[in-house]
Amino acid sequence: MMSVNHAEISWYSMLSQTDYRIPKSWRTWLFDSGSLTQRLLDASYGDLSVNVIKQQFQVPSLSERHALGLPDRQQAMIREVLLCGVGRPWVFARSVLPLTTLTGRLRKLRQLDNQPLGALLFADPSMTREPVQVACVNSDNNKLPCRSVSEENCIWGRRSVFRLDKKPLLVAEFFLPSFNTDSL
């Protein structure tokens, strides 16, 4: 299954750029306040593709609903993609877009296809971003589209609530094993 069991993921707020719980090699990627899409484009020398795994309307996880302030049974558009650099899956991203966000000029977010959401977010002058939360996904709660992961080799992820025209959406990004911070 190409999904993340978000109910089991423990997200926490990062303390600082020197947060001892996060390996030094991951800190710049997790703390980066700019566009991850742009940074991945630079790291891949322009060879970055977006592969949509799924995009459908469903009820987000409890954690996602809390982050967005959504009622219990409220559906949202959930989009899961792989960001592939130089042909390798580098990042699994899951975006949760409430129905109330997908109105007016933001209705266009329903048809992103293989366009990176990050490029659109960071190009929008109305965009604001709430503090980043991080998580380490290990073999006990891993349902990402990759090989099994040992506890010593967890997958680091981050998520943020973004706002466009003050309307919220949640973006979670997980750095897959084929993404190597040491070589970038």
C-alpha atoms as a PDB file:
ATOM      1  CA  MET A   1       0.000   0.000   0.000  1.00  0.00           C
ATOM      2  CA  MET A   2       1.392   3.405  -0.940  1.00  0.00           C
ATOM      3  CA  SER A   3       0.200   5.395   2.026  1.00  0.00           C
ATOM      4  CA  VAL A   4       1.190   6.560   5.461  1.00  0.00           C
ATOM      5  CA  ASN A   5      -0.726   5.534   8.537  1.00  0.00           C
ATOM      6  CA  HIS A   6      -0.857   9.073   9.940  1.00  0.00           C
ATOM      7  CA  ALA A   7      -2.788   8.007  13.047  1.00  0.00           C
ATOM      8  CA  GLU A   8       0.363   6.275  14.332  1.00  0.00           C
ATOM      9  CA  ILE A   9       2.866   9.022  13.564  1.00  0.00           C
ATOM     10  CA  SER A  10       4.020  11.141  16.503  1.00  0.00           C
ATOM     11  CA  TRP A  11       4.693  14.656  15.268  1.00  0.00           C
ATOM     12  CA  TYR A  12       6.572  17.128  17.416  1.00  0.00           C
ATOM     13  CA  SER A  13       7.640  20.737  17.081  1.00  0.00           C
ATOM     14  CA  MET A  14      11.308  21.313  16.417  1.00  0.00           C
ATOM     15  CA  LEU A  15      13.091  23.103  19.213  1.00  0.00           C
ATOM     16  CA  SER A  16      15.811  24.800  17.185  1.00  0.00           C
ATOM     17  CA  GLN A  17      18.331  24.253  14.422  1.00  0.00           C
ATOM     18  CA  THR A  18      20.447  22.367  16.983  1.00  0.00           C
ATOM     19  CA  ASP A  19      17.658  20.006  18.095  1.00  0.00           C
ATOM     20  CA  TYR A  20      19.676  17.042  19.397  1.00  0.00           C
ATOM     21  CA  ARG A  21      16.898  14.571  18.510  1.00  0.00           C
ATOM     22  CA  ILE A  22      17.542  15.171  14.806  1.00  0.00           C
ATOM     23  CA  PRO A  23      20.759  13.979  13.124  1.00  0.00           C
ATOM     24  CA  LYS A  24      22.877  16.912  11.996  1.00  0.00           C
ATOM     25  CA  SER A  25      22.731  15.830   8.329  1.00  0.00           C
ATOM     26  CA  TRP A  26      18.918  16.164   8.347  1.00  0.00           C
ATOM     27  CA  ARG A  27      18.569  19.492  10.149  1.00  0.00           C
ATOM     28  CA  THR A  28      19.059  21.754   7.135  1.00  0.00           C
ATOM     29  CA  TRP A  29      16.501  19.769   5.123  1.00  0.00           C
ATOM     30  CA  LEU A  30      13.923  19.663   7.914  1.00  0.00           C
ATOM     31  CA  PHE A  31      14.394  23.291   8.980  1.00  0.00           C
ATOM     32  CA  ASP A  32      14.525  24.784   5.489  1.00  0.00           C
ATOM     33  CA  SER A  33      11.870  27.496   5.274  1.00  0.00           C
ATOM     34  CA  GLY A  34      12.054  27.761   1.498  1.00  0.00           C
ATOM     35  CA  SER A  35      10.520  25.615  -1.209  1.00  0.00           C
ATOM     36  CA  LEU A  36      11.529  21.957  -0.923  1.00  0.00           C
ATOM     37  CA  THR A  37      10.572  21.588  -4.583  1.00  0.00           C
ATOM     38  CA  GLN A  38      13.117  24.240  -5.576  1.00  0.00           C
ATOM     39  CA  ARG A  39      15.792  22.735  -3.370  1.00  0.00           C
ATOM     40  CA  LEU A  40      15.186  19.277  -4.880  1.00  0.00           C
ATOM     41  CA  LEU A  41      15.271  20.782  -8.387  1.00  0.00           C
ATOM     42  CA  ASP A  42      18.666  22.289  -7.583  1.00  0.00           C
ATOM     43  CA  ALA A  43      19.961  19.030  -6.044  1.00  0.00           C
ATOM     44  CA  SER A  44      18.804  17.019  -9.077  1.00  0.00           C
ATOM     45  CA  TYR A  45      20.165  19.540 -11.599  1.00  0.00           C
ATOM     46  CA  GLY A  46      16.622  20.041 -12.904  1.00  0.00           C
ATOM     47  CA  ASP A  47      15.819  16.331 -13.185  1.00  0.00           C
ATOM     48  CA  LEU A  48      12.843  16.283 -10.801  1.00  0.00           C
ATOM     49  CA  SER A  49       9.495  14.673 -11.538  1.00  0.00           C
ATOM     50  CA  VAL A  50       6.210  14.448  -9.638  1.00  0.00           C
ATOM     51  CA  ASN A  51       4.425  11.107  -9.763  1.00  0.00           C
ATOM     52  CA  VAL A  52       0.888  11.185  -8.406  1.00  0.00           C
ATOM     53  CA  ILE A  53       0.118   8.067  -6.379  1.00  0.00           C
ATOM     54  CA  LYS A  54      -3.432   9.050  -5.543  1.00  0.00           C
ATOM     55  CA  GLN A  55      -5.705  12.026  -5.274  1.00  0.00           C
ATOM     56  CA  GLN A  56      -9.133  11.561  -3.775  1.00  0.00           C
ATOM     57  CA  PHE A  57     -11.655  12.980  -1.347  1.00  0.00           C
ATOM     58  CA  GLN A  58     -11.681  11.258   2.021  1.00  0.00           C
ATOM     59  CA  VAL A  59     -11.691  11.976   5.746  1.00  0.00           C
ATOM     60  CA  PRO A  60      -8.182  12.929   6.922  1.00  0.00           C
ATOM     61  CA  SER A  61      -6.562  11.240   9.927  1.00  0.00           C
ATOM     62  CA  LEU A  62      -7.273  12.557  13.413  1.00  0.00           C
ATOM     63  CA  SER A  63      -3.854  14.206  13.575  1.00  0.00           C
ATOM     64  CA  GLU A  64      -4.419  15.915  10.222  1.00  0.00           C
ATOM     65  CA  ARG A  65      -7.899  17.097  11.235  1.00  0.00           C
ATOM     66  CA  HIS A  66      -6.498  18.567  14.446  1.00  0.00           C
ATOM     67  CA  ALA A  67      -3.690  20.355  12.596  1.00  0.00           C
ATOM     68  CA  LEU A  68      -6.234  21.897  10.205  1.00  0.00           C
ATOM     69  CA  GLY A  69      -9.009  22.453  12.749  1.00  0.00           C
ATOM     70  CA  LEU A  70     -11.453  20.263  10.811  1.00  0.00           C
ATOM     71  CA  PRO A  71     -14.530  18.582  12.281  1.00  0.00           C
ATOM     72  CA  ASP A  72     -14.506  14.776  12.689  1.00  0.00           C
ATOM     73  CA  ARG A  73     -16.270  13.690   9.512  1.00  0.00           C
ATOM     74  CA  GLN A  74     -15.147  16.524   7.243  1.00  0.00           C
ATOM     75  CA  GLN A  75     -13.713  15.289   3.971  1.00  0.00           C
ATOM     76  CA  ALA A  76     -10.743  16.857   2.250  1.00  0.00           C
ATOM     77  CA  MET A  77      -8.850  16.288  -0.954  1.00  0.00           C
ATOM     78  CA  ILE A  78      -5.862  14.108  -0.135  1.00  0.00           C
ATOM     79  CA  ARG A  79      -3.026  14.016  -2.629  1.00  0.00           C
ATOM     80  CA  GLU A  80      -0.081  11.655  -2.331  1.00  0.00           C
ATOM     81  CA  VAL A  81       2.901  11.994  -4.632  1.00  0.00           C
ATOM     82  CA  LEU A  82       6.472  10.858  -5.069  1.00  0.00           C
ATOM     83  CA  LEU A  83       9.047  13.503  -5.883  1.00  0.00           C
ATOM     84  CA  CYS A  84      11.728  11.727  -7.912  1.00  0.00           C
ATOM     85  CA  GLY A  85      15.184  13.188  -8.420  1.00  0.00           C
ATOM     86  CA  VAL A  86      17.324  11.789 -11.232  1.00  0.00           C
ATOM     87  CA  GLY A  87      14.853   8.925 -11.574  1.00  0.00           C
ATOM     88  CA  ARG A  88      14.920   7.879  -7.892  1.00  0.00           C
ATOM     89  CA  PRO A  89      12.074   8.400  -5.391  1.00  0.00           C
ATOM     90  CA  TRP A  90      13.413  11.008  -2.985  1.00  0.00           C
ATOM     91  CA  VAL A  91      10.332  12.327  -1.172  1.00  0.00           C
ATOM     92  CA  PHE A  92       6.868  11.003  -0.418  1.00  0.00           C
ATOM     93  CA  ALA A  93       4.469  13.928   0.077  1.00  0.00           C
ATOM     94  CA  ARG A  94       0.923  13.889   1.389  1.00  0.00           C
ATOM     95  CA  SER A  95      -1.176  17.035   1.107  1.00  0.00           C
ATOM     96  CA  VAL A  96      -4.534  17.541   2.795  1.00  0.00           C
ATOM     97  CA  LEU A  97      -6.663  20.287   1.262  1.00  0.00           C
ATOM     98  CA  PRO A  98      -9.987  21.003   3.029  1.00  0.00           C
ATOM     99  CA  LEU A  99     -13.013  21.505   0.799  1.00  0.00           C
ATOM    100  CA  THR A 100     -13.320  25.085   2.095  1.00  0.00           C
ATOM    101  CA  THR A 101      -9.817  25.774   0.778  1.00  0.00           C
ATOM    102  CA  LEU A 102     -10.690  24.515  -2.718  1.00  0.00           C
ATOM    103  CA  THR A 103     -12.991  27.429  -3.533  1.00  0.00           C
ATOM    104  CA  GLY A 104     -12.663  30.661  -5.474  1.00  0.00           C
ATOM    105  CA  ARG A 105      -9.290  31.152  -7.145  1.00  0.00           C
ATOM    106  CA  LEU A 106      -7.905  28.159  -5.207  1.00  0.00           C
ATOM    107  CA  ARG A 107     -10.274  25.813  -7.019  1.00  0.00           C
ATOM    108  CA  LYS A 108      -7.349  25.271  -9.430  1.00  0.00           C
ATOM    109  CA  LEU A 109      -5.664  23.147  -6.728  1.00  0.00           C
ATOM    110  CA  ARG A 110      -8.096  20.344  -7.619  1.00  0.00           C
ATOM    111  CA  GLN A 111      -6.261  19.821 -10.934  1.00  0.00           C
ATOM    112  CA  LEU A 112      -2.574  19.913 -10.092  1.00  0.00           C
ATOM    113  CA  ASP A 113      -1.855  16.717 -12.021  1.00  0.00           C
ATOM    114  CA  ASN A 114       1.947  16.269 -12.064  1.00  0.00           C
ATOM    115  CA  GLN A 115       2.676  19.854 -11.066  1.00  0.00           C
ATOM    116  CA  PRO A 116       4.521  20.282  -7.763  1.00  0.00           C
ATOM    117  CA  LEU A 117       2.311  21.884  -5.117  1.00  0.00           C
ATOM    118  CA  GLY A 118       5.355  23.498  -3.512  1.00  0.00           C
ATOM    119  CA  ALA A 119       6.100  25.596  -6.579  1.00  0.00           C
ATOM    120  CA  LEU A 120       2.561  26.968  -6.513  1.00  0.00           C
ATOM    121  CA  LEU A 121       2.637  27.628  -2.755  1.00  0.00           C
ATOM    122  CA  PHE A 122       5.888  29.574  -2.767  1.00  0.00           C
ATOM    123  CA  ALA A 123       4.888  31.598  -5.837  1.00  0.00           C
ATOM    124  CA  ASP A 124       1.681  32.801  -4.154  1.00  0.00           C
ATOM    125  CA  PRO A 125       2.100  36.181  -2.408  1.00  0.00           C
ATOM    126  CA  SER A 126      -0.720  35.355   0.048  1.00  0.00           C
ATOM    127  CA  MET A 127       1.110  32.248   1.353  1.00  0.00           C
ATOM    128  CA  THR A 128       1.920  31.980   5.035  1.00  0.00           C
ATOM    129  CA  ARG A 129       3.380  28.980   6.836  1.00  0.00           C
ATOM    130  CA  GLU A 130       2.888  27.796  10.385  1.00  0.00           C
ATOM    131  CA  PRO A 131       5.746  26.196  12.366  1.00  0.00           C
ATOM    132  CA  VAL A 132       7.191  22.929  11.100  1.00  0.00           C
ATOM    133  CA  GLN A 133       6.614  19.671  12.947  1.00  0.00           C
ATOM    134  CA  VAL A 134       8.874  16.656  12.471  1.00  0.00           C
ATOM    135  CA  ALA A 135       8.555  12.899  12.825  1.00  0.00           C
ATOM    136  CA  CYS A 136      10.706   9.843  12.437  1.00  0.00           C
ATOM    137  CA  VAL A 137       8.866   6.975  10.774  1.00  0.00           C
ATOM    138  CA  ASN A 138      10.299   3.550  11.534  1.00  0.00           C
ATOM    139  CA  SER A 139       9.405   0.001  10.603  1.00  0.00           C
ATOM    140  CA  ASP A 140       6.569  -0.112  13.154  1.00  0.00           C
ATOM    141  CA  ASN A 141       4.566   2.678  11.542  1.00  0.00           C
ATOM    142  CA  ASN A 142       5.970   2.741   8.023  1.00  0.00           C
ATOM    143  CA  LYS A 143       3.633   2.344   5.086  1.00  0.00           C
ATOM    144  CA  LEU A 144       5.593   4.500   2.703  1.00  0.00           C
ATOM    145  CA  PRO A 145       6.300   3.433  -0.882  1.00  0.00           C
ATOM    146  CA  CYS A 146       9.778   2.088  -0.219  1.00  0.00           C
ATOM    147  CA  ARG A 147      11.612  -0.909   1.194  1.00  0.00           C
ATOM    148  CA  SER A 148      11.355  -1.799   4.861  1.00  0.00           C
ATOM    149  CA  VAL A 149      13.140   0.533   7.224  1.00  0.00           C
ATOM    150  CA  SER A 150      14.989  -0.458  10.373  1.00  0.00           C
ATOM    151  CA  GLU A 151      14.758   1.553  13.568  1.00  0.00           C
ATOM    152  CA  GLU A 152      18.361   2.684  13.115  1.00  0.00           C
ATOM    153  CA  ASN A 153      17.495   4.009   9.676  1.00  0.00           C
ATOM    154  CA  CYS A 154      14.272   5.877  10.194  1.00  0.00           C
ATOM    155  CA  ILE A 155      12.622   8.050   7.595  1.00  0.00           C
ATOM    156  CA  TRP A 156      12.534  11.700   8.619  1.00  0.00           C
ATOM    157  CA  GLY A 157       9.485  13.720   7.757  1.00  0.00           C
ATOM    158  CA  ARG A 158       8.141  17.180   8.331  1.00  0.00           C
ATOM    159  CA  ARG A 159       4.776  18.824   8.004  1.00  0.00           C
ATOM    160  CA  SER A 160       3.394  22.341   8.001  1.00  0.00           C
ATOM    161  CA  VAL A 161       0.068  24.041   7.694  1.00  0.00           C
ATOM    162  CA  PHE A 162       0.216  26.540   4.848  1.00  0.00           C
ATOM    163  CA  ARG A 163      -2.383  29.216   4.208  1.00  0.00           C
ATOM    164  CA  LEU A 164      -3.331  30.699   0.857  1.00  0.00           C
ATOM    165  CA  ASP A 165      -5.763  33.608   1.138  1.00  0.00           C
ATOM    166  CA  LYS A 166      -5.898  32.569   4.835  1.00  0.00           C
ATOM    167  CA  LYS A 167      -7.303  29.147   3.817  1.00  0.00           C
ATOM    168  CA  PRO A 168      -5.403  26.176   5.313  1.00  0.00           C
ATOM    169  CA  LEU A 169      -3.800  23.127   3.755  1.00  0.00           C
ATOM    170  CA  LEU A 170      -1.423  20.624   5.300  1.00  0.00           C
ATOM    171  CA  VAL A 171       1.692  19.308   3.575  1.00  0.00           C
ATOM    172  CA  ALA A 172       3.712  16.397   4.979  1.00  0.00           C
ATOM    173  CA  GLU A 173       6.986  15.376   3.334  1.00  0.00           C
ATOM    174  CA  PHE A 174       8.995  12.228   4.056  1.00  0.00           C
ATOM    175  CA  PHE A 175      12.572  11.778   2.844  1.00  0.00           C
ATOM    176  CA  LEU A 176      12.861   8.269   1.428  1.00  0.00           C
ATOM    177  CA  PRO A 177      15.899   5.959   1.804  1.00  0.00           C
ATOM    178  CA  SER A 178      17.048   6.675  -1.779  1.00  0.00           C
ATOM    179  CA  PHE A 179      17.492  10.338  -0.771  1.00  0.00           C
ATOM    180  CA  ASN A 180      21.019  10.692   0.593  1.00  0.00           C
ATOM    181  CA  THR A 181      21.818  13.929   2.421  1.00  0.00           C
ATOM    182  CA  ASP A 182      25.540  13.069   2.454  1.00  0.00           C
ATOM    183  CA  SER A 183      25.830  13.274  -1.320  1.00  0.00           C
ATOM    184  CA  LEU A 184      23.892  16.538  -1.727  1.00  0.00           C
END
